[in-house]
Amino acid sequence: VSDESARKVGLAIANSPLVKTAIAGEDANWGR
């Protein structure tokens, strides 16, 4: 809905330990 909203969503993804560990394990777990 706005650039700032997009940034906050992006940061929620980038800060997620589950997302970051899935990528570390090379797991395409898009549910995270």
Full PDB file with SEQRES, HELIX, SHEET, SSBOND, CRYST1, ORIGX, SCALE, CONECT and MASTER records, all heavy atoms in Angstrom:
SEQRES   1 A   32  VAL SER ASP GLU SER ALA ARG LYS VAL GLY LEU ALA ILE          
SEQRES   2 A   32  ALA ASN SER PRO LEU VAL LYS THR ALA ILE ALA GLY GLU          
SEQRES   3 A   32  ASP ALA ASN TRP GLY ARG                                      
HELIX    1 AA1 ASP A    3  ALA A   14  1                                  12    
HELIX    2 AA2 PRO A   17  ALA A   24  1                                   8    
CRYST1    1.000    1.000    1.000  90.00  90.00  90.00 P 1           1          
ORIGX1      1.000000  0.000000  0.000000        0.00000                         
ORIGX2      0.000000  1.000000  0.000000        0.00000                         
ORIGX3      0.000000  0.000000  1.000000        0.00000                         
SCALE1      1.000000  0.000000  0.000000        0.00000                         
SCALE2      0.000000  1.000000  0.000000        0.00000                         
SCALE3      0.000000  0.000000  1.000000        0.00000                         
ATOM      1  N   VAL A   1       0.830  -1.210   0.000  1.00  0.00           N  
ATOM      2  CA  VAL A   1       0.000   0.000   0.000  1.00  0.00           C  
ATOM      3  C   VAL A   1       0.863   1.258   0.000  1.00  0.00           C  
ATOM      4  O   VAL A   1       0.382   2.342  -0.351  1.00  0.00           O  
ATOM      5  CB  VAL A   1      -0.970   0.013   1.200  1.00  0.00           C  
ATOM      6  CG1 VAL A   1      -1.971  -1.142   1.090  1.00  0.00           C  
ATOM      7  CG2 VAL A   1      -0.207  -0.065   2.535  1.00  0.00           C  
ATOM      8  N   SER A   2       2.130   1.151   0.389  1.00  0.00           N  
ATOM      9  CA  SER A   2       3.061   2.284   0.358  1.00  0.00           C  
ATOM     10  C   SER A   2       4.478   1.733   0.375  1.00  0.00           C  
ATOM     11  O   SER A   2       4.707   0.561   0.702  1.00  0.00           O  
ATOM     12  CB  SER A   2       2.850   3.206   1.568  1.00  0.00           C  
ATOM     13  OG  SER A   2       3.230   2.547   2.770  1.00  0.00           O  
ATOM     14  N   ASP A   3       5.433   2.594   0.034  1.00  0.00           N  
ATOM     15  CA  ASP A   3       6.833   2.164   0.085  1.00  0.00           C  
ATOM     16  C   ASP A   3       7.252   1.799   1.510  1.00  0.00           C  
ATOM     17  O   ASP A   3       7.987   0.827   1.715  1.00  0.00           O  
ATOM     18  CB  ASP A   3       7.745   3.279  -0.444  1.00  0.00           C  
ATOM     19  CG  ASP A   3       7.607   3.496  -1.937  1.00  0.00           C  
ATOM     20  OD1 ASP A   3       6.948   2.672  -2.619  1.00  0.00           O  
ATOM     21  OD2 ASP A   3       8.148   4.506  -2.439  1.00  0.00           O  
ATOM     22  N   GLU A   4       6.787   2.576   2.480  1.00  0.00           N  
ATOM     23  CA  GLU A   4       7.156   2.296   3.869  1.00  0.00           C  
ATOM     24  C   GLU A   4       6.567   0.971   4.336  1.00  0.00           C  
ATOM     25  O   GLU A   4       7.208   0.206   5.046  1.00  0.00           O  
ATOM     26  CB  GLU A   4       6.699   3.431   4.775  1.00  0.00           C  
ATOM     27  CG  GLU A   4       7.047   3.259   6.257  1.00  0.00           C  
ATOM     28  CD  GLU A   4       8.537   3.107   6.518  1.00  0.00           C  
ATOM     29  OE1 GLU A   4       9.358   3.522   5.667  1.00  0.00           O  
ATOM     30  OE2 GLU A   4       8.894   2.567   7.590  1.00  0.00           O  
ATOM     31  N   SER A   5       5.331   0.679   3.912  1.00  0.00           N  
ATOM     32  CA  SER A   5       4.728  -0.604   4.258  1.00  0.00           C  
ATOM     33  C   SER A   5       5.515  -1.746   3.634  1.00  0.00           C  
ATOM     34  O   SER A   5       5.758  -2.782   4.277  1.00  0.00           O  
ATOM     35  CB  SER A   5       3.276  -0.645   3.782  1.00  0.00           C  
ATOM     36  OG  SER A   5       2.661  -1.867   4.144  1.00  0.00           O  
ATOM     37  N   ALA A   6       5.961  -1.555   2.396  1.00  0.00           N  
ATOM     38  CA  ALA A   6       6.773  -2.576   1.732  1.00  0.00           C  
ATOM     39  C   ALA A   6       8.074  -2.806   2.485  1.00  0.00           C  
ATOM     40  O   ALA A   6       8.529  -3.949   2.640  1.00  0.00           O  
ATOM     41  CB  ALA A   6       7.058  -2.150   0.296  1.00  0.00           C  
ATOM     42  N   ARG A   7       8.699  -1.719   2.965  1.00  0.00           N  
ATOM     43  CA  ARG A   7       9.945  -1.854   3.718  1.00  0.00           C  
ATOM     44  C   ARG A   7       9.723  -2.661   4.994  1.00  0.00           C  
ATOM     45  O   ARG A   7      10.529  -3.530   5.350  1.00  0.00           O  
ATOM     46  CB  ARG A   7      10.512  -0.475   4.055  1.00  0.00           C  
ATOM     47  CG  ARG A   7      11.913  -0.501   4.656  1.00  0.00           C  
ATOM     48  CD  ARG A   7      12.396   0.908   4.967  1.00  0.00           C  
ATOM     49  NE  ARG A   7      11.806   1.421   6.190  1.00  0.00           N  
ATOM     50  CZ  ARG A   7      12.374   1.308   7.403  1.00  0.00           C  
ATOM     51  NH1 ARG A   7      13.536   0.720   7.530  1.00  0.00           N  
ATOM     52  NH2 ARG A   7      11.777   1.791   8.465  1.00  0.00           N  
ATOM     53  N   LYS A   8       8.626  -2.398   5.691  1.00  0.00           N  
ATOM     54  CA  LYS A   8       8.353  -3.112   6.935  1.00  0.00           C  
ATOM     55  C   LYS A   8       8.094  -4.595   6.684  1.00  0.00           C  
ATOM     56  O   LYS A   8       8.519  -5.455   7.461  1.00  0.00           O  
ATOM     57  CB  LYS A   8       7.176  -2.462   7.657  1.00  0.00           C  
ATOM     58  CG  LYS A   8       7.498  -1.085   8.224  1.00  0.00           C  
ATOM     59  CD  LYS A   8       6.294  -0.453   8.903  1.00  0.00           C  
ATOM     60  CE  LYS A   8       6.645   0.917   9.487  1.00  0.00           C  
ATOM     61  NZ  LYS A   8       5.468   1.561  10.120  1.00  0.00           N  
ATOM     62  N   VAL A   9       7.395  -4.900   5.613  1.00  0.00           N  
ATOM     63  CA  VAL A   9       7.171  -6.304   5.270  1.00  0.00           C  
ATOM     64  C   VAL A   9       8.501  -6.972   4.926  1.00  0.00           C  
ATOM     65  O   VAL A   9       8.801  -8.091   5.371  1.00  0.00           O  
ATOM     66  CB  VAL A   9       6.183  -6.426   4.094  1.00  0.00           C  
ATOM     67  CG1 VAL A   9       6.127  -7.875   3.591  1.00  0.00           C  
ATOM     68  CG2 VAL A   9       4.793  -5.959   4.511  1.00  0.00           C  
ATOM     69  N   GLY A  10       9.321  -6.262   4.147  1.00  0.00           N  
ATOM     70  CA  GLY A  10      10.628  -6.805   3.793  1.00  0.00           C  
ATOM     71  C   GLY A  10      11.481  -7.082   5.009  1.00  0.00           C  
ATOM     72  O   GLY A  10      12.171  -8.120   5.084  1.00  0.00           O  
ATOM     73  N   LEU A  11      11.447  -6.184   5.972  1.00  0.00           N  
ATOM     74  CA  LEU A  11      12.247  -6.369   7.180  1.00  0.00           C  
ATOM     75  C   LEU A  11      11.721  -7.522   8.041  1.00  0.00           C  
ATOM     76  O   LEU A  11      12.503  -8.218   8.696  1.00  0.00           O  
ATOM     77  CB  LEU A  11      12.286  -5.073   7.983  1.00  0.00           C  
ATOM     78  CG  LEU A  11      13.107  -3.952   7.343  1.00  0.00           C  
ATOM     79  CD1 LEU A  11      12.918  -2.651   8.096  1.00  0.00           C  
ATOM     80  CD2 LEU A  11      14.580  -4.340   7.307  1.00  0.00           C  
ATOM     81  N   ALA A  12      10.406  -7.723   8.047  1.00  0.00           N  
ATOM     82  CA  ALA A  12       9.850  -8.859   8.792  1.00  0.00           C  
ATOM     83  C   ALA A  12      10.373 -10.170   8.216  1.00  0.00           C  
ATOM     84  O   ALA A  12      10.695 -11.116   8.947  1.00  0.00           O  
ATOM     85  CB  ALA A  12       8.323  -8.821   8.748  1.00  0.00           C  
ATOM     86  N   ILE A  13      10.490 -10.228   6.894  1.00  0.00           N  
ATOM     87  CA  ILE A  13      11.031 -11.414   6.243  1.00  0.00           C  
ATOM     88  C   ILE A  13      12.529 -11.539   6.542  1.00  0.00           C  
ATOM     89  O   ILE A  13      13.027 -12.602   6.921  1.00  0.00           O  
ATOM     90  CB  ILE A  13      10.791 -11.344   4.725  1.00  0.00           C  
ATOM     91  CG1 ILE A  13       9.292 -11.306   4.414  1.00  0.00           C  
ATOM     92  CG2 ILE A  13      11.469 -12.510   4.013  1.00  0.00           C  
ATOM     93  CD1 ILE A  13       8.966 -10.918   2.986  1.00  0.00           C  
ATOM     94  N   ALA A  14      13.243 -10.439   6.362  1.00  0.00           N  
ATOM     95  CA  ALA A  14      14.699 -10.448   6.518  1.00  0.00           C  
ATOM     96  C   ALA A  14      15.134 -10.723   7.947  1.00  0.00           C  
ATOM     97  O   ALA A  14      16.246 -11.214   8.173  1.00  0.00           O  
ATOM     98  CB  ALA A  14      15.274  -9.118   6.047  1.00  0.00           C  
ATOM     99  N   ASN A  15      14.285 -10.406   8.912  1.00  0.00           N  
ATOM    100  CA  ASN A  15      14.626 -10.627  10.322  1.00  0.00           C  
ATOM    101  C   ASN A  15      14.127 -11.964  10.852  1.00  0.00           C  
ATOM    102  O   ASN A  15      14.393 -12.304  12.008  1.00  0.00           O  
ATOM    103  CB  ASN A  15      14.057  -9.502  11.189  1.00  0.00           C  
ATOM    104  CG  ASN A  15      14.927  -8.264  11.182  1.00  0.00           C  
ATOM    105  OD1 ASN A  15      16.151  -8.369  11.168  1.00  0.00           O  
ATOM    106  ND2 ASN A  15      14.307  -7.095  11.194  1.00  0.00           N  
ATOM    107  N   SER A  16      13.414 -12.706  10.056  1.00  0.00           N  
ATOM    108  CA  SER A  16      12.845 -13.968  10.539  1.00  0.00           C  
ATOM    109  C   SER A  16      13.926 -15.042  10.670  1.00  0.00           C  
ATOM    110  O   SER A  16      14.541 -15.445   9.670  1.00  0.00           O  
ATOM    111  CB  SER A  16      11.771 -14.463   9.569  1.00  0.00           C  
ATOM    112  OG  SER A  16      11.442 -15.813   9.843  1.00  0.00           O  
ATOM    113  N   PRO A  17      14.169 -15.561  11.878  1.00  0.00           N  
ATOM    114  CA  PRO A  17      15.143 -16.651  12.023  1.00  0.00           C  
ATOM    115  C   PRO A  17      14.756 -17.880  11.201  1.00  0.00           C  
ATOM    116  O   PRO A  17      15.624 -18.582  10.679  1.00  0.00           O  
ATOM    117  CB  PRO A  17      15.121 -16.951  13.525  1.00  0.00           C  
ATOM    118  CG  PRO A  17      14.634 -15.697  14.164  1.00  0.00           C  
ATOM    119  CD  PRO A  17      13.644 -15.134  13.190  1.00  0.00           C  
ATOM    120  N   LEU A  18      13.446 -18.130  11.053  1.00  0.00           N  
ATOM    121  CA  LEU A  18      13.010 -19.289  10.284  1.00  0.00           C  
ATOM    122  C   LEU A  18      13.323 -19.127   8.805  1.00  0.00           C  
ATOM    123  O   LEU A  18      13.761 -20.079   8.142  1.00  0.00           O  
ATOM    124  CB  LEU A  18      11.509 -19.525  10.494  1.00  0.00           C  
ATOM    125  CG  LEU A  18      11.113 -20.077  11.859  1.00  0.00           C  
ATOM    126  CD1 LEU A  18       9.602 -20.177  11.966  1.00  0.00           C  
ATOM    127  CD2 LEU A  18      11.754 -21.426  12.113  1.00  0.00           C  
ATOM    128  N   VAL A  19      13.118 -17.936   8.273  1.00  0.00           N  
ATOM    129  CA  VAL A  19      13.451 -17.692   6.870  1.00  0.00           C  
ATOM    130  C   VAL A  19      14.960 -17.764   6.670  1.00  0.00           C  
ATOM    131  O   VAL A  19      15.463 -18.408   5.740  1.00  0.00           O  
ATOM    132  CB  VAL A  19      12.918 -16.316   6.404  1.00  0.00           C  
ATOM    133  CG1 VAL A  19      13.442 -15.978   5.010  1.00  0.00           C  
ATOM    134  CG2 VAL A  19      11.399 -16.306   6.409  1.00  0.00           C  
ATOM    135  N   LYS A  20      15.709 -17.124   7.553  1.00  0.00           N  
ATOM    136  CA  LYS A  20      17.164 -17.046   7.404  1.00  0.00           C  
ATOM    137  C   LYS A  20      17.829 -18.421   7.553  1.00  0.00           C  
ATOM    138  O   LYS A  20      18.793 -18.742   6.853  1.00  0.00           O  
ATOM    139  CB  LYS A  20      17.737 -16.050   8.414  1.00  0.00           C  
ATOM    140  CG  LYS A  20      17.379 -14.599   8.083  1.00  0.00           C  
ATOM    141  CD  LYS A  20      17.431 -13.684   9.304  1.00  0.00           C  
ATOM    142  CE  LYS A  20      18.822 -13.426   9.788  1.00  0.00           C  
ATOM    143  NZ  LYS A  20      19.534 -12.453   8.937  1.00  0.00           N  
ATOM    144  N   THR A  21      17.313 -19.255   8.455  1.00  0.00           N  
ATOM    145  CA  THR A  21      17.889 -20.591   8.604  1.00  0.00           C  
ATOM    146  C   THR A  21      17.474 -21.501   7.448  1.00  0.00           C  
ATOM    147  O   THR A  21      18.247 -22.375   7.034  1.00  0.00           O  
ATOM    148  CB  THR A  21      17.498 -21.224   9.948  1.00  0.00           C  
ATOM    149  OG1 THR A  21      16.064 -21.129  10.126  1.00  0.00           O  
ATOM    150  CG2 THR A  21      18.193 -20.524  11.096  1.00  0.00           C  
ATOM    151  N   ALA A  22      16.261 -21.307   6.909  1.00  0.00           N  
ATOM    152  CA  ALA A  22      15.855 -22.095   5.739  1.00  0.00           C  
ATOM    153  C   ALA A  22      16.783 -21.810   4.559  1.00  0.00           C  
ATOM    154  O   ALA A  22      17.222 -22.734   3.852  1.00  0.00           O  
ATOM    155  CB  ALA A  22      14.413 -21.773   5.365  1.00  0.00           C  
ATOM    156  N   ILE A  23      17.114 -20.532   4.366  1.00  0.00           N  
ATOM    157  CA  ILE A  23      18.013 -20.181   3.264  1.00  0.00           C  
ATOM    158  C   ILE A  23      19.425 -20.704   3.550  1.00  0.00           C  
ATOM    159  O   ILE A  23      20.118 -21.166   2.641  1.00  0.00           O  
ATOM    160  CB  ILE A  23      17.990 -18.666   3.030  1.00  0.00           C  
ATOM    161  CG1 ILE A  23      16.609 -18.263   2.483  1.00  0.00           C  
ATOM    162  CG2 ILE A  23      19.090 -18.240   2.061  1.00  0.00           C  
ATOM    163  CD1 ILE A  23      16.413 -16.780   2.289  1.00  0.00           C  
ATOM    164  N   ALA A  24      19.835 -20.659   4.810  1.00  0.00           N  
ATOM    165  CA  ALA A  24      21.140 -21.238   5.156  1.00  0.00           C  
ATOM    166  C   ALA A  24      21.182 -22.716   4.803  1.00  0.00           C  
ATOM    167  O   ALA A  24      22.208 -23.235   4.350  1.00  0.00           O  
ATOM    168  CB  ALA A  24      21.424 -21.043   6.646  1.00  0.00           C  
ATOM    169  N   GLY A  25      20.053 -23.411   5.005  1.00  0.00           N  
ATOM    170  CA  GLY A  25      19.966 -24.833   4.691  1.00  0.00           C  
ATOM    171  C   GLY A  25      19.577 -25.114   3.251  1.00  0.00           C  
ATOM    172  O   GLY A  25      19.349 -26.268   2.889  1.00  0.00           O  
ATOM    173  N   GLU A  26      19.473 -24.029   2.448  1.00  0.00           N  
ATOM    174  CA  GLU A  26      19.135 -24.143   1.019  1.00  0.00           C  
ATOM    175  C   GLU A  26      17.807 -24.856   0.830  1.00  0.00           C  
ATOM    176  O   GLU A  26      17.620 -25.663  -0.093  1.00  0.00           O  
ATOM    177  CB  GLU A  26      20.273 -24.839   0.266  1.00  0.00           C  
ATOM    178  CG  GLU A  26      21.583 -24.063   0.394  1.00  0.00           C  
ATOM    179  CD  GLU A  26      22.780 -24.783  -0.185  1.00  0.00           C  
ATOM    180  OE1 GLU A  26      22.627 -25.943  -0.626  1.00  0.00           O  
ATOM    181  OE2 GLU A  26      23.885 -24.191  -0.184  1.00  0.00           O  
ATOM    182  N   ASP A  27      16.840 -24.523   1.703  1.00  0.00           N  
ATOM    183  CA  ASP A  27      15.510 -25.124   1.690  1.00  0.00           C  
ATOM    184  C   ASP A  27      14.509 -24.105   1.137  1.00  0.00           C  
ATOM    185  O   ASP A  27      14.330 -23.032   1.715  1.00  0.00           O  
ATOM    186  CB  ASP A  27      15.130 -25.535   3.123  1.00  0.00           C  
ATOM    187  CG  ASP A  27      13.734 -26.122   3.216  1.00  0.00           C  
ATOM    188  OD1 ASP A  27      13.115 -26.390   2.160  1.00  0.00           O  
ATOM    189  OD2 ASP A  27      13.255 -26.304   4.352  1.00  0.00           O  
ATOM    190  N   ALA A  28      13.840 -24.434   0.038  1.00  0.00           N  
ATOM    191  CA  ALA A  28      12.879 -23.520  -0.600  1.00  0.00           C  
ATOM    192  C   ALA A  28      11.546 -23.541   0.132  1.00  0.00           C  
ATOM    193  O   ALA A  28      10.485 -23.806  -0.458  1.00  0.00           O  
ATOM    194  CB  ALA A  28      12.696 -23.911  -2.065  1.00  0.00           C  
ATOM    195  N   ASN A  29      11.578 -23.235   1.400  1.00  0.00           N  
ATOM    196  CA  ASN A  29      10.375 -23.289   2.239  1.00  0.00           C  
ATOM    197  C   ASN A  29       9.648 -21.950   2.177  1.00  0.00           C  
ATOM    198  O   ASN A  29       9.799 -21.107   3.050  1.00  0.00           O  
ATOM    199  CB  ASN A  29      10.786 -23.638   3.674  1.00  0.00           C  
ATOM    200  CG  ASN A  29       9.592 -23.969   4.553  1.00  0.00           C  
ATOM    201  OD1 ASN A  29       8.459 -23.608   4.238  1.00  0.00           O  
ATOM    202  ND2 ASN A  29       9.849 -24.652   5.651  1.00  0.00           N  
ATOM    203  N   TRP A  30       8.853 -21.773   1.127  1.00  0.00           N  
ATOM    204  CA  TRP A  30       8.183 -20.482   0.946  1.00  0.00           C  
ATOM    205  C   TRP A  30       7.084 -20.241   1.968  1.00  0.00           C  
ATOM    206  O   TRP A  30       6.654 -19.115   2.180  1.00  0.00           O  
ATOM    207  CB  TRP A  30       7.656 -20.337  -0.483  1.00  0.00           C  
ATOM    208  CG  TRP A  30       6.728 -21.427  -0.964  1.00  0.00           C  
ATOM    209  CD1 TRP A  30       7.077 -22.551  -1.632  1.00  0.00           C  
ATOM    210  CD2 TRP A  30       5.310 -21.474  -0.821  1.00  0.00           C  
ATOM    211  NE1 TRP A  30       5.978 -23.324  -1.920  1.00  0.00           N  
ATOM    212  CE2 TRP A  30       4.869 -22.669  -1.442  1.00  0.00           C  
ATOM    213  CE3 TRP A  30       4.366 -20.643  -0.250  1.00  0.00           C  
ATOM    214  CZ2 TRP A  30       3.522 -23.039  -1.491  1.00  0.00           C  
ATOM    215  CZ3 TRP A  30       3.016 -21.000  -0.294  1.00  0.00           C  
ATOM    216  CH2 TRP A  30       2.617 -22.187  -0.908  1.00  0.00           C  
ATOM    217  N   GLY A  31       6.665 -21.284   2.675  1.00  0.00           N  
ATOM    218  CA  GLY A  31       5.667 -21.106   3.734  1.00  0.00           C  
ATOM    219  C   GLY A  31       6.179 -20.217   4.855  1.00  0.00           C  
ATOM    220  O   GLY A  31       5.413 -19.488   5.488  1.00  0.00           O  
ATOM    221  N   ARG A  32       7.493 -20.251   5.077  1.00  0.00           N  
ATOM    222  CA  ARG A  32       8.071 -19.388   6.114  1.00  0.00           C  
ATOM    223  C   ARG A  32       8.005 -17.919   5.699  1.00  0.00           C  
ATOM    224  O   ARG A  32       7.873 -17.037   6.547  1.00  0.00           O  
ATOM    225  CB  ARG A  32       9.514 -19.796   6.394  1.00  0.00           C  
ATOM    226  CG  ARG A  32       9.622 -21.172   7.047  1.00  0.00           C  
ATOM    227  CD  ARG A  32      11.053 -21.524   7.433  1.00  0.00           C  
ATOM    228  NE  ARG A  32      11.097 -22.816   8.130  1.00  0.00           N  
ATOM    229  CZ  ARG A  32      12.191 -23.346   8.640  1.00  0.00           C  
ATOM    230  NH1 ARG A  32      13.352 -22.702   8.532  1.00  0.00           N  
ATOM    231  NH2 ARG A  32      12.151 -24.520   9.260  1.00  0.00           N  
TER     232      ARG A  32                                                      
MASTER        0    0    0    2    0    0    0    6  231    1    0    3          
END                                                                             
